[in-house]
Amino acid sequence: MIETHDIVRPPGELVAGLRAIGSATASSELNRLGVRSAHIRGPVSHTPGVCVAGPALTLQFMPKREDLYPVDEYAEPEKQLHRHVLYHTQPGDIVVVDARGDMSSGVFGEMMMLYFKSRGGLGVVVDGCVRDLGKVRELGLGVWVRGATPNFHSQTGIFPTAVNVPVACGDTVVMPGDIIVADDDGAVVVPIKLAPALLAEASLHAEWEEFSRLRLSQGGDLRAYYPLSKEATPEYERWRDARRGAGA
């Protein structure tokens, strides 16, 4: 019997706050906190307009060795680890897959993703492909992948080897339980230890950006309002205090 470990999930309010700031602000603020690039390069959004944040369930693939894994798609299903990562799904989870950038193996298809969705899963980030992409999109999940293929998960050159271990997805390290923030700009991994500091900094960033966005839409000078200049800071502070006083 195969046993795999679950993850430790972060507080819901922390995840909700990170979702509100989006991937671009998360990436830039993580850079200020010392993480040069948290962008998971390669997978792109196939569900425009969808923004998700949640803890990472991780799945690792390796180059296929036929003596270690059955060739048939449905052979010994309970030995197929891509199923086991989904067994851990709780509401709000995101599955992150190191599929080695392989473009010929569909890590998941419609039926697997239907199960994931029914358990409350939010989205998948795959450094590789899925199959049944149109049907998967119809489920309402967020989908960040390199592409699509008609092939099943181990049909060609890779096979699943580990669940909820550190993975390199798009050459970016993702630890089980790290928070993924993903939207139209891509997917960013937020190290769990940095998440509270990131949220605090990003919330301040988001507030002054909202002020700058307002002033720029009114014809304000880019040099004054983006980034916020020292000269414009008192004006921003008055706007901020008035807004907070009004309960906005």
C-alpha atoms as a PDB file:
ATOM      1  CA  MET A   1       0.000   0.000   0.000  1.00  0.00           C
ATOM      2  CA  ILE A   2       1.378   3.408  -0.973  1.00  0.00           C
ATOM      3  CA  GLU A   3       1.464   6.069   1.738  1.00  0.00           C
ATOM      4  CA  THR A   4       2.151   9.731   1.000  1.00  0.00           C
ATOM      5  CA  HIS A   5       2.352  12.696   3.353  1.00  0.00           C
ATOM      6  CA  ASP A   6      -0.127  15.556   3.525  1.00  0.00           C
ATOM      7  CA  ILE A   7       0.912  19.226   3.753  1.00  0.00           C
ATOM      8  CA  VAL A   8       0.545  21.848   6.467  1.00  0.00           C
ATOM      9  CA  ARG A   9      -1.917  24.475   5.244  1.00  0.00           C
ATOM     10  CA  PRO A  10      -1.575  28.197   6.013  1.00  0.00           C
ATOM     11  CA  PRO A  11      -4.282  30.358   7.617  1.00  0.00           C
ATOM     12  CA  GLY A  12      -7.106  31.223   5.243  1.00  0.00           C
ATOM     13  CA  GLU A  13      -6.802  34.962   5.820  1.00  0.00           C
ATOM     14  CA  LEU A  14      -3.151  34.865   4.741  1.00  0.00           C
ATOM     15  CA  VAL A  15      -4.045  33.085   1.514  1.00  0.00           C
ATOM     16  CA  ALA A  16      -6.944  35.469   0.820  1.00  0.00           C
ATOM     17  CA  GLY A  17      -4.703  38.474   1.306  1.00  0.00           C
ATOM     18  CA  LEU A  18      -2.113  37.137  -1.136  1.00  0.00           C
ATOM     19  CA  ARG A  19      -4.772  36.404  -3.725  1.00  0.00           C
ATOM     20  CA  ALA A  20      -5.888  40.025  -3.551  1.00  0.00           C
ATOM     21  CA  ILE A  21      -2.417  41.378  -4.361  1.00  0.00           C
ATOM     22  CA  GLY A  22      -1.847  39.181  -7.443  1.00  0.00           C
ATOM     23  CA  SER A  23       1.257  37.596  -8.922  1.00  0.00           C
ATOM     24  CA  ALA A  24       3.027  40.748 -10.170  1.00  0.00           C
ATOM     25  CA  THR A  25       3.044  42.497  -6.797  1.00  0.00           C
ATOM     26  CA  ALA A  26       3.925  39.220  -5.068  1.00  0.00           C
ATOM     27  CA  SER A  27       6.919  38.773  -7.366  1.00  0.00           C
ATOM     28  CA  SER A  28       8.246  42.310  -6.983  1.00  0.00           C
ATOM     29  CA  GLU A  29       7.824  42.348  -3.210  1.00  0.00           C
ATOM     30  CA  LEU A  30       9.490  38.938  -2.874  1.00  0.00           C
ATOM     31  CA  ASN A  31      12.413  40.404  -4.780  1.00  0.00           C
ATOM     32  CA  ARG A  32      12.699  43.084  -2.100  1.00  0.00           C
ATOM     33  CA  LEU A  33      12.612  40.322   0.522  1.00  0.00           C
ATOM     34  CA  GLY A  34      15.551  38.569  -1.125  1.00  0.00           C
ATOM     35  CA  VAL A  35      13.940  36.071  -3.506  1.00  0.00           C
ATOM     36  CA  ARG A  36      15.188  37.187  -6.921  1.00  0.00           C
ATOM     37  CA  SER A  37      12.589  35.366  -9.002  1.00  0.00           C
ATOM     38  CA  ALA A  38       9.648  33.403  -7.668  1.00  0.00           C
ATOM     39  CA  HIS A  39       8.005  33.129 -11.082  1.00  0.00           C
ATOM     40  CA  ILE A  40       7.346  29.558 -12.218  1.00  0.00           C
ATOM     41  CA  ARG A  41       8.593  29.917 -15.779  1.00  0.00           C
ATOM     42  CA  GLY A  42       7.014  27.925 -18.581  1.00  0.00           C
ATOM     43  CA  PRO A  43       3.424  27.261 -17.488  1.00  0.00           C
ATOM     44  CA  VAL A  44       1.057  29.979 -18.708  1.00  0.00           C
ATOM     45  CA  SER A  45      -2.596  30.677 -18.038  1.00  0.00           C
ATOM     46  CA  HIS A  46      -5.125  28.812 -20.156  1.00  0.00           C
ATOM     47  CA  THR A  47      -8.026  30.262 -18.160  1.00  0.00           C
ATOM     48  CA  PRO A  48      -7.927  34.036 -18.757  1.00  0.00           C
ATOM     49  CA  GLY A  49      -9.210  36.181 -15.926  1.00  0.00           C
ATOM     50  CA  VAL A  50      -8.839  33.507 -13.266  1.00  0.00           C
ATOM     51  CA  CYS A  51      -6.812  34.446 -10.171  1.00  0.00           C
ATOM     52  CA  VAL A  52      -6.143  31.907  -7.442  1.00  0.00           C
ATOM     53  CA  ALA A  53      -3.995  31.518  -4.350  1.00  0.00           C
ATOM     54  CA  GLY A  54      -3.571  28.423  -2.239  1.00  0.00           C
ATOM     55  CA  PRO A  55      -1.149  25.947  -0.692  1.00  0.00           C
ATOM     56  CA  ALA A  56       0.825  23.691  -2.994  1.00  0.00           C
ATOM     57  CA  LEU A  57       0.360  19.974  -3.226  1.00  0.00           C
ATOM     58  CA  THR A  58       3.412  18.817  -5.176  1.00  0.00           C
ATOM     59  CA  LEU A  59       3.967  15.992  -7.648  1.00  0.00           C
ATOM     60  CA  GLN A  60       7.326  14.989  -9.092  1.00  0.00           C
ATOM     61  CA  PHE A  61       7.981  13.204 -12.383  1.00  0.00           C
ATOM     62  CA  MET A  62      11.231  11.627 -13.555  1.00  0.00           C
ATOM     63  CA  PRO A  63      12.455  10.124 -16.838  1.00  0.00           C
ATOM     64  CA  LYS A  64      10.616   6.887 -17.498  1.00  0.00           C
ATOM     65  CA  ARG A  65      12.154   3.511 -16.753  1.00  0.00           C
ATOM     66  CA  GLU A  66       9.804   0.770 -17.883  1.00  0.00           C
ATOM     67  CA  ASP A  67      10.814  -1.756 -15.227  1.00  0.00           C
ATOM     68  CA  LEU A  68       9.730   0.698 -12.526  1.00  0.00           C
ATOM     69  CA  TYR A  69       6.327   1.661 -13.867  1.00  0.00           C
ATOM     70  CA  PRO A  70       3.520  -0.109 -15.766  1.00  0.00           C
ATOM     71  CA  VAL A  71       3.176   0.828 -19.420  1.00  0.00           C
ATOM     72  CA  ASP A  72      -0.620   0.521 -19.631  1.00  0.00           C
ATOM     73  CA  GLU A  73      -2.682   3.612 -18.747  1.00  0.00           C
ATOM     74  CA  TYR A  74      -4.973   1.761 -16.342  1.00  0.00           C
ATOM     75  CA  ALA A  75      -2.599  -0.915 -15.024  1.00  0.00           C
ATOM     76  CA  GLU A  76      -2.411  -1.092 -11.219  1.00  0.00           C
ATOM     77  CA  PRO A  77      -4.047   2.311 -10.773  1.00  0.00           C
ATOM     78  CA  GLU A  78      -3.308   2.555  -7.050  1.00  0.00           C
ATOM     79  CA  LYS A  79       0.405   2.469  -7.789  1.00  0.00           C
ATOM     80  CA  GLN A  80       0.089   5.569  -9.975  1.00  0.00           C
ATOM     81  CA  LEU A  81       1.255   8.483  -7.861  1.00  0.00           C
ATOM     82  CA  HIS A  82      -0.452  11.176  -9.905  1.00  0.00           C
ATOM     83  CA  ARG A  83      -3.667   9.828  -8.369  1.00  0.00           C
ATOM     84  CA  HIS A  84      -2.275   9.974  -4.837  1.00  0.00           C
ATOM     85  CA  VAL A  85      -1.497  13.687  -4.910  1.00  0.00           C
ATOM     86  CA  LEU A  86      -5.179  14.299  -5.640  1.00  0.00           C
ATOM     87  CA  TYR A  87      -6.240  12.146  -2.699  1.00  0.00           C
ATOM     88  CA  HIS A  88      -4.803  14.827  -0.404  1.00  0.00           C
ATOM     89  CA  THR A  89      -6.968  17.596  -1.896  1.00  0.00           C
ATOM     90  CA  GLN A  90      -8.725  19.925   0.500  1.00  0.00           C
ATOM     91  CA  PRO A  91     -10.726  23.029  -0.463  1.00  0.00           C
ATOM     92  CA  GLY A  92      -8.427  25.767  -1.752  1.00  0.00           C
ATOM     93  CA  ASP A  93      -5.475  23.558  -2.702  1.00  0.00           C
ATOM     94  CA  ILE A  94      -3.375  23.962  -5.853  1.00  0.00           C
ATOM     95  CA  VAL A  95      -1.457  21.076  -7.436  1.00  0.00           C
ATOM     96  CA  VAL A  96       2.043  21.912  -8.665  1.00  0.00           C
ATOM     97  CA  VAL A  97       3.701  19.392 -10.970  1.00  0.00           C
ATOM     98  CA  ASP A  98       7.337  19.076 -11.969  1.00  0.00           C
ATOM     99  CA  ALA A  99       6.787  17.307 -15.288  1.00  0.00           C
ATOM    100  CA  ARG A 100      10.275  18.224 -16.524  1.00  0.00           C
ATOM    101  CA  GLY A 101       8.893  20.499 -19.238  1.00  0.00           C
ATOM    102  CA  ASP A 102       7.782  17.388 -21.133  1.00  0.00           C
ATOM    103  CA  MET A 103       5.441  18.213 -24.016  1.00  0.00           C
ATOM    104  CA  SER A 104       4.233  14.704 -24.841  1.00  0.00           C
ATOM    105  CA  SER A 105       2.676  13.439 -21.592  1.00  0.00           C
ATOM    106  CA  GLY A 106      -0.696  14.609 -20.278  1.00  0.00           C
ATOM    107  CA  VAL A 107      -0.199  14.673 -16.514  1.00  0.00           C
ATOM    108  CA  PHE A 108      -3.930  14.900 -15.804  1.00  0.00           C
ATOM    109  CA  GLY A 109      -7.076  14.670 -17.890  1.00  0.00           C
ATOM    110  CA  GLU A 110     -10.752  15.499 -17.498  1.00  0.00           C
ATOM    111  CA  MET A 111     -11.676  12.676 -15.113  1.00  0.00           C
ATOM    112  CA  MET A 112      -8.802  13.298 -12.705  1.00  0.00           C
ATOM    113  CA  MET A 113      -9.477  17.026 -12.713  1.00  0.00           C
ATOM    114  CA  LEU A 114     -13.201  16.461 -12.183  1.00  0.00           C
ATOM    115  CA  TYR A 115     -12.328  14.569  -9.007  1.00  0.00           C
ATOM    116  CA  PHE A 116      -9.924  17.331  -7.943  1.00  0.00           C
ATOM    117  CA  LYS A 117     -12.563  19.999  -8.544  1.00  0.00           C
ATOM    118  CA  SER A 118     -15.198  18.037  -6.611  1.00  0.00           C
ATOM    119  CA  ARG A 119     -12.916  18.017  -3.562  1.00  0.00           C
ATOM    120  CA  GLY A 120     -12.486  21.782  -3.659  1.00  0.00           C
ATOM    121  CA  GLY A 121      -9.257  22.082  -5.642  1.00  0.00           C
ATOM    122  CA  LEU A 122      -8.640  25.512  -7.180  1.00  0.00           C
ATOM    123  CA  GLY A 123      -6.085  25.014  -9.922  1.00  0.00           C
ATOM    124  CA  VAL A 124      -3.101  23.210 -11.382  1.00  0.00           C
ATOM    125  CA  VAL A 125       0.358  24.456 -12.330  1.00  0.00           C
ATOM    126  CA  VAL A 126       2.138  21.959 -14.575  1.00  0.00           C
ATOM    127  CA  ASP A 127       5.601  22.276 -16.075  1.00  0.00           C
ATOM    128  CA  GLY A 128       4.330  20.180 -18.941  1.00  0.00           C
ATOM    129  CA  CYS A 129       0.947  19.268 -20.418  1.00  0.00           C
ATOM    130  CA  VAL A 130      -2.537  18.115 -19.605  1.00  0.00           C
ATOM    131  CA  ARG A 131      -4.950  16.268 -21.854  1.00  0.00           C
ATOM    132  CA  ASP A 132      -8.643  17.070 -22.457  1.00  0.00           C
ATOM    133  CA  LEU A 133      -7.721  20.724 -22.047  1.00  0.00           C
ATOM    134  CA  GLY A 134     -11.057  22.057 -23.277  1.00  0.00           C
ATOM    135  CA  LYS A 135     -12.989  19.871 -20.850  1.00  0.00           C
ATOM    136  CA  VAL A 136     -10.647  20.766 -17.990  1.00  0.00           C
ATOM    137  CA  ARG A 137     -11.211  24.471 -18.642  1.00  0.00           C
ATOM    138  CA  GLU A 138     -14.967  23.915 -18.501  1.00  0.00           C
ATOM    139  CA  LEU A 139     -14.632  22.638 -14.935  1.00  0.00           C
ATOM    140  CA  GLY A 140     -13.859  26.157 -13.724  1.00  0.00           C
ATOM    141  CA  LEU A 141     -10.374  25.368 -12.481  1.00  0.00           C
ATOM    142  CA  GLY A 142      -7.402  27.650 -12.944  1.00  0.00           C
ATOM    143  CA  VAL A 143      -5.035  26.021 -15.442  1.00  0.00           C
ATOM    144  CA  TRP A 144      -1.371  27.026 -15.863  1.00  0.00           C
ATOM    145  CA  VAL A 145       0.420  24.604 -18.179  1.00  0.00           C
ATOM    146  CA  ARG A 146       2.872  24.587 -21.077  1.00  0.00           C
ATOM    147  CA  GLY A 147       0.335  23.052 -23.450  1.00  0.00           C
ATOM    148  CA  ALA A 148      -1.917  20.121 -24.262  1.00  0.00           C
ATOM    149  CA  THR A 149      -1.432  16.619 -25.606  1.00  0.00           C
ATOM    150  CA  PRO A 150      -3.683  13.617 -26.331  1.00  0.00           C
ATOM    151  CA  ASN A 151      -1.205  11.286 -24.581  1.00  0.00           C
ATOM    152  CA  PHE A 152      -1.726   9.921 -21.083  1.00  0.00           C
ATOM    153  CA  HIS A 153       0.614  10.671 -18.179  1.00  0.00           C
ATOM    154  CA  SER A 154       3.249   7.967 -18.688  1.00  0.00           C
ATOM    155  CA  GLN A 155       2.694   7.134 -22.348  1.00  0.00           C
ATOM    156  CA  THR A 156       6.046   8.485 -23.492  1.00  0.00           C
ATOM    157  CA  GLY A 157       9.065   9.597 -21.518  1.00  0.00           C
ATOM    158  CA  ILE A 158       8.186  10.399 -17.885  1.00  0.00           C
ATOM    159  CA  PHE A 159       6.450   8.832 -14.891  1.00  0.00           C
ATOM    160  CA  PRO A 160       5.338  10.098 -11.442  1.00  0.00           C
ATOM    161  CA  THR A 161       7.768   9.316  -8.640  1.00  0.00           C
ATOM    162  CA  ALA A 162       6.921  11.323  -5.495  1.00  0.00           C
ATOM    163  CA  VAL A 163       4.119  13.258  -3.799  1.00  0.00           C
ATOM    164  CA  ASN A 164       4.480  16.289  -1.524  1.00  0.00           C
ATOM    165  CA  VAL A 165       8.251  16.579  -1.805  1.00  0.00           C
ATOM    166  CA  PRO A 166      10.307  19.601  -2.916  1.00  0.00           C
ATOM    167  CA  VAL A 167      10.005  20.000  -6.691  1.00  0.00           C
ATOM    168  CA  ALA A 168      11.558  22.176  -9.380  1.00  0.00           C
ATOM    169  CA  CYS A 169       8.592  23.437 -11.381  1.00  0.00           C
ATOM    170  CA  GLY A 170       9.723  25.619 -14.261  1.00  0.00           C
ATOM    171  CA  ASP A 171      13.214  25.684 -12.683  1.00  0.00           C
ATOM    172  CA  THR A 172      11.701  27.225  -9.543  1.00  0.00           C
ATOM    173  CA  VAL A 173      11.776  25.413  -6.211  1.00  0.00           C
ATOM    174  CA  VAL A 174       8.352  24.745  -4.710  1.00  0.00           C
ATOM    175  CA  MET A 175       8.114  23.249  -1.244  1.00  0.00           C
ATOM    176  CA  PRO A 176       4.972  21.378  -0.197  1.00  0.00           C
ATOM    177  CA  GLY A 177       2.673  23.882   1.509  1.00  0.00           C
ATOM    178  CA  ASP A 178       4.201  26.977  -0.091  1.00  0.00           C
ATOM    179  CA  ILE A 179       1.531  29.394  -1.298  1.00  0.00           C
ATOM    180  CA  ILE A 180       0.960  29.712  -5.031  1.00  0.00           C
ATOM    181  CA  VAL A 181      -0.415  32.980  -6.425  1.00  0.00           C
ATOM    182  CA  ALA A 182      -1.446  32.633 -10.056  1.00  0.00           C
ATOM    183  CA  ASP A 183      -3.282  34.832 -12.551  1.00  0.00           C
ATOM    184  CA  ASP A 184      -2.955  36.042 -16.142  1.00  0.00           C
ATOM    185  CA  ASP A 185       0.683  37.061 -15.549  1.00  0.00           C
ATOM    186  CA  GLY A 186       1.658  33.555 -14.476  1.00  0.00           C
ATOM    187  CA  ALA A 187       2.254  31.583 -11.288  1.00  0.00           C
ATOM    188  CA  VAL A 188       4.443  32.736  -8.395  1.00  0.00           C
ATOM    189  CA  VAL A 189       5.549  30.653  -5.418  1.00  0.00           C
ATOM    190  CA  VAL A 190       5.500  32.397  -2.042  1.00  0.00           C
ATOM    191  CA  PRO A 191       7.786  30.680   0.491  1.00  0.00           C
ATOM    192  CA  ILE A 192       5.611  30.026   3.496  1.00  0.00           C
ATOM    193  CA  LYS A 193       8.076  31.628   5.926  1.00  0.00           C
ATOM    194  CA  LEU A 194       8.020  34.868   3.942  1.00  0.00           C
ATOM    195  CA  ALA A 195       4.260  34.984   3.387  1.00  0.00           C
ATOM    196  CA  PRO A 196       3.298  37.189   6.377  1.00  0.00           C
ATOM    197  CA  ALA A 197       6.023  39.755   5.627  1.00  0.00           C
ATOM    198  CA  LEU A 198       5.120  39.715   1.958  1.00  0.00           C
ATOM    199  CA  LEU A 199       1.462  40.367   2.691  1.00  0.00           C
ATOM    200  CA  ALA A 200       2.294  43.285   4.991  1.00  0.00           C
ATOM    201  CA  GLU A 201       4.583  44.937   2.436  1.00  0.00           C
ATOM    202  CA  ALA A 202       2.354  44.185  -0.511  1.00  0.00           C
ATOM    203  CA  SER A 203      -0.717  45.633   1.189  1.00  0.00           C
ATOM    204  CA  LEU A 204       1.075  48.973   1.560  1.00  0.00           C
ATOM    205  CA  HIS A 205       2.257  48.752  -2.038  1.00  0.00           C
ATOM    206  CA  ALA A 206      -1.258  48.000  -3.275  1.00  0.00           C
ATOM    207  CA  GLU A 207      -2.692  50.979  -1.401  1.00  0.00           C
ATOM    208  CA  TRP A 208      -0.327  53.575  -2.842  1.00  0.00           C
ATOM    209  CA  GLU A 209      -0.696  52.017  -6.280  1.00  0.00           C
ATOM    210  CA  GLU A 210      -4.448  52.486  -6.022  1.00  0.00           C
ATOM    211  CA  PHE A 211      -3.882  56.173  -5.290  1.00  0.00           C
ATOM    212  CA  SER A 212      -1.395  56.445  -8.169  1.00  0.00           C
ATOM    213  CA  ARG A 213      -3.784  54.690 -10.528  1.00  0.00           C
ATOM    214  CA  LEU A 214      -6.481  57.212  -9.634  1.00  0.00           C
ATOM    215  CA  ARG A 215      -4.227  60.208 -10.188  1.00  0.00           C
ATOM    216  CA  LEU A 216      -2.813  58.870 -13.471  1.00  0.00           C
ATOM    217  CA  SER A 217      -6.351  58.248 -14.747  1.00  0.00           C
ATOM    218  CA  GLN A 218      -7.025  61.934 -14.012  1.00  0.00           C
ATOM    219  CA  GLY A 219      -4.047  63.035 -16.100  1.00  0.00           C
ATOM    220  CA  GLY A 220      -1.491  63.226 -13.306  1.00  0.00           C
ATOM    221  CA  ASP A 221       2.248  63.351 -14.031  1.00  0.00           C
ATOM    222  CA  LEU A 222       3.890  59.918 -14.261  1.00  0.00           C
ATOM    223  CA  ARG A 223       7.022  61.372 -12.649  1.00  0.00           C
ATOM    224  CA  ALA A 224       5.030  62.340  -9.581  1.00  0.00           C
ATOM    225  CA  TYR A 225       2.758  59.354  -9.197  1.00  0.00           C
ATOM    226  CA  TYR A 226       4.578  56.242 -10.410  1.00  0.00           C
ATOM    227  CA  PRO A 227       6.459  55.330  -8.432  1.00  0.00           C
ATOM    228  CA  LEU A 228       5.075  57.603  -5.762  1.00  0.00           C
ATOM    229  CA  SER A 229       7.471  60.537  -5.381  1.00  0.00           C
ATOM    230  CA  LYS A 230       8.428  62.287  -2.175  1.00  0.00           C
ATOM    231  CA  GLU A 231       6.610  65.364  -3.409  1.00  0.00           C
ATOM    232  CA  ALA A 232       3.372  63.427  -3.894  1.00  0.00           C
ATOM    233  CA  THR A 233       3.612  61.453  -0.654  1.00  0.00           C
ATOM    234  CA  PRO A 234       1.831  64.040   1.563  1.00  0.00           C
ATOM    235  CA  GLU A 235      -1.036  64.115  -0.930  1.00  0.00           C
ATOM    236  CA  TYR A 236      -1.182  60.322  -0.860  1.00  0.00           C
ATOM    237  CA  GLU A 237      -1.176  60.260   2.949  1.00  0.00           C
ATOM    238  CA  ARG A 238      -4.117  62.669   3.094  1.00  0.00           C
ATOM    239  CA  TRP A 239      -6.000  60.515   0.572  1.00  0.00           C
ATOM    240  CA  ARG A 240      -5.144  57.352   2.526  1.00  0.00           C
ATOM    241  CA  ASP A 241      -6.219  58.760   5.899  1.00  0.00           C
ATOM    242  CA  ALA A 242      -9.472  60.117   4.491  1.00  0.00           C
ATOM    243  CA  ARG A 243     -10.184  56.787   2.852  1.00  0.00           C
ATOM    244  CA  ARG A 244      -9.491  54.819   6.006  1.00  0.00           C
ATOM    245  CA  GLY A 245     -11.598  57.246   8.019  1.00  0.00           C
ATOM    246  CA  ALA A 246     -14.474  56.647   5.660  1.00  0.00           C
ATOM    247  CA  GLY A 247     -14.114  52.900   6.171  1.00  0.00           C
ATOM    248  CA  ALA A 248     -13.139  52.177   2.573  1.00  0.00           C
END
